[in-house]
N, C-alpha and C. Protein backbone atom coordinates (compact mmCIF):
# COMPACT_ATOMS: atom_id res chain seq x y z
N MET A 1 91.82 119.21 106.76
CA MET A 1 91.68 117.90 106.16
C MET A 1 93.03 117.35 105.69
N GLU A 2 93.93 118.26 105.26
CA GLU A 2 95.24 117.80 104.79
C GLU A 2 95.97 117.01 105.87
N GLY A 3 95.96 117.52 107.10
CA GLY A 3 96.63 116.84 108.20
C GLY A 3 96.03 115.47 108.48
N VAL A 4 94.72 115.37 108.41
CA VAL A 4 94.04 114.09 108.62
C VAL A 4 94.47 113.11 107.53
N LEU A 5 94.46 113.55 106.28
CA LEU A 5 94.87 112.68 105.17
C LEU A 5 96.29 112.18 105.35
N TRP A 6 97.20 113.08 105.69
CA TRP A 6 98.60 112.67 105.87
C TRP A 6 98.73 111.68 107.04
N TYR A 7 98.02 111.95 108.12
CA TYR A 7 98.13 111.05 109.27
C TYR A 7 97.54 109.67 108.94
N VAL A 8 96.33 109.63 108.44
CA VAL A 8 95.64 108.36 108.22
C VAL A 8 96.27 107.54 107.11
N LEU A 9 96.81 108.22 106.09
CA LEU A 9 97.33 107.49 104.92
C LEU A 9 98.85 107.33 104.91
N ALA A 10 99.56 108.19 105.60
CA ALA A 10 101.02 108.13 105.50
C ALA A 10 101.75 107.96 106.83
N SER A 11 101.15 108.38 107.93
CA SER A 11 101.89 108.38 109.19
C SER A 11 101.52 107.22 110.11
N SER A 12 100.45 106.53 109.81
CA SER A 12 100.03 105.44 110.69
C SER A 12 100.42 104.09 110.07
N ARG A 13 100.45 103.09 110.90
CA ARG A 13 100.91 101.76 110.49
C ARG A 13 100.09 101.18 109.34
N GLY A 14 98.79 101.41 109.33
CA GLY A 14 97.92 100.86 108.29
C GLY A 14 97.82 101.73 107.05
N GLY A 15 98.59 102.81 107.02
CA GLY A 15 98.51 103.75 105.90
C GLY A 15 98.68 103.12 104.53
N PRO A 16 99.69 102.29 104.31
CA PRO A 16 99.86 101.70 102.98
C PRO A 16 98.65 100.86 102.53
N THR A 17 98.03 100.15 103.45
CA THR A 17 96.84 99.38 103.08
C THR A 17 95.69 100.32 102.74
N ARG A 18 95.55 101.39 103.49
CA ARG A 18 94.50 102.36 103.19
C ARG A 18 94.75 103.04 101.85
N VAL A 19 96.01 103.28 101.51
CA VAL A 19 96.34 103.84 100.20
C VAL A 19 95.93 102.86 99.10
N ARG A 20 96.20 101.59 99.30
CA ARG A 20 95.78 100.58 98.30
C ARG A 20 94.27 100.59 98.12
N ILE A 21 93.54 100.72 99.22
CA ILE A 21 92.07 100.75 99.15
C ILE A 21 91.62 102.00 98.39
N LEU A 22 92.20 103.15 98.70
CA LEU A 22 91.81 104.37 98.00
C LEU A 22 92.14 104.30 96.52
N ARG A 23 93.28 103.75 96.18
CA ARG A 23 93.63 103.61 94.76
C ARG A 23 92.62 102.72 94.05
N ALA A 24 92.22 101.64 94.69
CA ALA A 24 91.22 100.74 94.09
C ALA A 24 89.89 101.45 93.92
N LEU A 25 89.49 102.22 94.92
CA LEU A 25 88.21 102.93 94.84
C LEU A 25 88.27 104.09 93.86
N ASP A 26 89.45 104.60 93.60
CA ASP A 26 89.60 105.64 92.60
C ASP A 26 89.34 105.07 91.20
N GLU A 27 89.69 103.79 91.02
CA GLU A 27 89.43 103.13 89.73
C GLU A 27 87.92 102.97 89.51
N ARG A 28 87.24 102.51 90.56
CA ARG A 28 85.78 102.34 90.50
C ARG A 28 85.27 102.06 91.91
N PRO A 29 84.04 102.50 92.20
CA PRO A 29 83.45 102.20 93.52
C PRO A 29 83.29 100.68 93.69
N ARG A 30 83.46 100.21 94.91
CA ARG A 30 83.33 98.78 95.21
C ARG A 30 82.80 98.62 96.62
N ASN A 31 82.34 97.41 96.92
CA ASN A 31 81.96 97.11 98.30
C ASN A 31 83.14 96.44 98.99
N ALA A 32 83.00 96.18 100.28
CA ALA A 32 84.11 95.62 101.06
C ALA A 32 84.54 94.26 100.55
N ASN A 33 83.59 93.42 100.17
CA ASN A 33 83.92 92.10 99.67
C ASN A 33 84.70 92.18 98.36
N GLN A 34 84.28 93.05 97.46
CA GLN A 34 85.01 93.23 96.20
C GLN A 34 86.42 93.73 96.45
N LEU A 35 86.55 94.67 97.38
CA LEU A 35 87.88 95.17 97.72
C LEU A 35 88.76 94.06 98.27
N ALA A 36 88.21 93.27 99.18
CA ALA A 36 88.99 92.17 99.77
C ALA A 36 89.47 91.22 98.68
N ASN A 37 88.59 90.86 97.76
CA ASN A 37 88.96 89.95 96.68
C ASN A 37 89.97 90.58 95.73
N ASP A 38 89.71 91.81 95.31
CA ASP A 38 90.58 92.47 94.34
C ASP A 38 91.96 92.78 94.89
N LEU A 39 92.04 93.06 96.19
CA LEU A 39 93.32 93.41 96.80
C LEU A 39 93.99 92.24 97.52
N ASP A 40 93.32 91.08 97.48
CA ASP A 40 93.83 89.88 98.13
C ASP A 40 94.10 90.13 99.62
N LEU A 41 93.09 90.73 100.28
CA LEU A 41 93.15 91.00 101.71
C LEU A 41 92.00 90.31 102.41
N ASP A 42 92.14 90.05 103.70
CA ASP A 42 91.06 89.49 104.49
C ASP A 42 89.92 90.50 104.58
N TYR A 43 88.70 90.02 104.51
CA TYR A 43 87.51 90.87 104.56
C TYR A 43 87.50 91.73 105.82
N THR A 44 87.83 91.13 106.98
CA THR A 44 87.80 91.90 108.23
C THR A 44 88.87 93.00 108.24
N THR A 45 89.99 92.76 107.59
CA THR A 45 91.03 93.78 107.46
C THR A 45 90.52 94.95 106.64
N VAL A 46 89.87 94.64 105.53
CA VAL A 46 89.32 95.70 104.67
C VAL A 46 88.27 96.49 105.44
N ARG A 47 87.39 95.80 106.14
CA ARG A 47 86.34 96.50 106.91
C ARG A 47 86.96 97.40 107.98
N HIS A 48 87.99 96.93 108.65
CA HIS A 48 88.67 97.76 109.65
C HIS A 48 89.17 99.06 109.01
N HIS A 49 89.87 98.93 107.89
CA HIS A 49 90.44 100.12 107.25
C HIS A 49 89.34 101.03 106.70
N LEU A 50 88.26 100.46 106.18
CA LEU A 50 87.14 101.29 105.73
C LEU A 50 86.52 102.04 106.90
N ASP A 51 86.42 101.38 108.04
CA ASP A 51 85.88 102.04 109.24
C ASP A 51 86.77 103.23 109.64
N VAL A 52 88.09 103.03 109.59
CA VAL A 52 89.02 104.12 109.92
C VAL A 52 88.84 105.27 108.92
N LEU A 53 88.72 104.94 107.64
CA LEU A 53 88.54 105.97 106.62
C LEU A 53 87.22 106.72 106.80
N MET A 54 86.16 106.01 107.17
CA MET A 54 84.87 106.66 107.39
C MET A 54 84.91 107.52 108.66
N LYS A 55 85.53 107.01 109.71
CA LYS A 55 85.62 107.76 110.96
C LYS A 55 86.34 109.09 110.76
N ASN A 56 87.28 109.10 109.83
CA ASN A 56 88.05 110.31 109.56
C ASN A 56 87.51 111.11 108.37
N ASN A 57 86.29 110.80 107.97
CA ASN A 57 85.57 111.53 106.92
C ASN A 57 86.30 111.54 105.57
N ILE A 58 86.99 110.43 105.28
CA ILE A 58 87.68 110.29 104.00
C ILE A 58 86.79 109.52 103.02
N MET A 59 86.06 108.54 103.55
CA MET A 59 85.14 107.72 102.75
C MET A 59 83.75 107.82 103.34
N LYS A 60 82.76 107.52 102.48
CA LYS A 60 81.39 107.38 102.95
C LYS A 60 80.81 106.12 102.34
N ARG A 61 79.79 105.62 102.99
CA ARG A 61 79.15 104.37 102.56
C ARG A 61 77.85 104.75 101.84
N SER A 62 77.62 104.10 100.72
CA SER A 62 76.39 104.33 99.96
C SER A 62 75.59 103.03 99.94
N GLY A 63 74.49 103.00 100.66
CA GLY A 63 73.66 101.80 100.69
C GLY A 63 73.75 101.09 102.02
N GLU A 64 73.13 99.91 102.07
CA GLU A 64 73.12 99.10 103.28
C GLU A 64 74.52 98.61 103.62
N GLU A 65 74.76 98.33 104.89
CA GLU A 65 76.11 98.02 105.37
C GLU A 65 76.80 96.92 104.57
N TYR A 66 76.17 95.78 104.38
CA TYR A 66 76.88 94.65 103.76
C TYR A 66 77.01 94.77 102.26
N ALA A 67 76.08 95.46 101.61
CA ALA A 67 76.15 95.64 100.16
C ALA A 67 76.64 97.04 99.80
N ALA A 68 77.05 97.80 100.79
CA ALA A 68 77.42 99.19 100.57
C ALA A 68 78.60 99.33 99.63
N VAL A 69 78.50 100.34 98.80
CA VAL A 69 79.61 100.74 97.95
C VAL A 69 80.27 101.93 98.64
N TYR A 70 81.58 101.96 98.63
CA TYR A 70 82.32 103.02 99.31
C TYR A 70 82.76 104.09 98.31
N LEU A 71 82.53 105.34 98.71
CA LEU A 71 82.82 106.49 97.86
C LEU A 71 83.62 107.52 98.65
N PHE A 72 84.29 108.41 97.93
CA PHE A 72 85.02 109.48 98.59
C PHE A 72 84.05 110.55 99.08
N THR A 73 84.36 111.15 100.23
CA THR A 73 83.55 112.26 100.71
C THR A 73 83.88 113.50 99.87
N ASP A 74 83.02 114.50 99.98
CA ASP A 74 83.26 115.76 99.28
C ASP A 74 84.57 116.40 99.75
N GLN A 75 84.86 116.27 101.05
CA GLN A 75 86.11 116.84 101.59
C GLN A 75 87.33 116.17 100.96
N THR A 76 87.27 114.86 100.79
CA THR A 76 88.39 114.15 100.17
C THR A 76 88.55 114.59 98.73
N GLU A 77 87.45 114.67 98.01
CA GLU A 77 87.52 115.09 96.61
C GLU A 77 88.06 116.52 96.49
N ALA A 78 87.69 117.38 97.44
CA ALA A 78 88.19 118.77 97.42
C ALA A 78 89.68 118.84 97.71
N ASN A 79 90.22 117.80 98.35
CA ASN A 79 91.65 117.75 98.69
C ASN A 79 92.37 116.66 97.89
N TRP A 80 91.87 116.37 96.70
CA TRP A 80 92.41 115.25 95.92
C TRP A 80 93.88 115.45 95.56
N GLU A 81 94.32 116.67 95.39
CA GLU A 81 95.73 116.93 95.09
C GLU A 81 96.62 116.40 96.23
N THR A 82 96.18 116.58 97.46
CA THR A 82 96.91 116.05 98.62
C THR A 82 96.91 114.53 98.60
N VAL A 83 95.77 113.93 98.27
CA VAL A 83 95.67 112.47 98.20
C VAL A 83 96.68 111.94 97.17
N GLU A 84 96.75 112.56 96.02
CA GLU A 84 97.69 112.12 94.99
C GLU A 84 99.14 112.29 95.45
N GLU A 85 99.40 113.34 96.18
CA GLU A 85 100.74 113.55 96.73
C GLU A 85 101.09 112.43 97.71
N ILE A 86 100.13 112.02 98.51
CA ILE A 86 100.33 110.93 99.45
C ILE A 86 100.53 109.62 98.70
N PHE A 87 99.75 109.39 97.64
CA PHE A 87 99.92 108.19 96.81
C PHE A 87 101.38 108.07 96.35
N GLU A 88 101.97 109.19 95.94
CA GLU A 88 103.35 109.17 95.48
C GLU A 88 104.33 108.92 96.61
N ALA A 89 104.00 109.40 97.81
CA ALA A 89 104.93 109.30 98.94
C ALA A 89 104.89 107.93 99.65
N VAL A 90 103.75 107.25 99.56
CA VAL A 90 103.57 106.00 100.29
C VAL A 90 103.77 104.82 99.34
N ASP A 91 104.59 103.88 99.75
CA ASP A 91 104.82 102.67 98.96
C ASP A 91 104.05 101.53 99.59
N PRO A 92 102.88 101.13 99.02
CA PRO A 92 102.07 100.08 99.63
C PRO A 92 102.76 98.72 99.68
N GLU A 93 103.81 98.53 98.91
CA GLU A 93 104.51 97.26 98.93
C GLU A 93 105.20 97.00 100.26
N ASN A 94 105.41 98.06 101.05
CA ASN A 94 106.06 97.92 102.35
C ASN A 94 105.09 97.74 103.50
N ASP A 95 103.81 97.45 103.21
CA ASP A 95 102.79 97.29 104.26
C ASP A 95 103.08 96.06 105.11
N GLU A 96 102.67 96.14 106.35
CA GLU A 96 102.85 95.04 107.31
C GLU A 96 101.87 93.94 107.04
């Protein structure tokens, strides 16, 4: 899981945006629309990144698709020390 976290959050082009999403979800669970508003991102951009996070078993969806709240998977929580290390290494201000 560590390698997946590093790749998805730090080594890929969308990593800084995904880090911003994870930081926001660490504060409190939210749905895609709330994330888009709170992070000042386009809704479709947020959904794309959430899909990538779910595909890589970093996030899971709780509830129906449009009203779903996004939560960390058990694997992500078990590797939270790595996530925090990535948070320190990635500067979201440099996102494309």
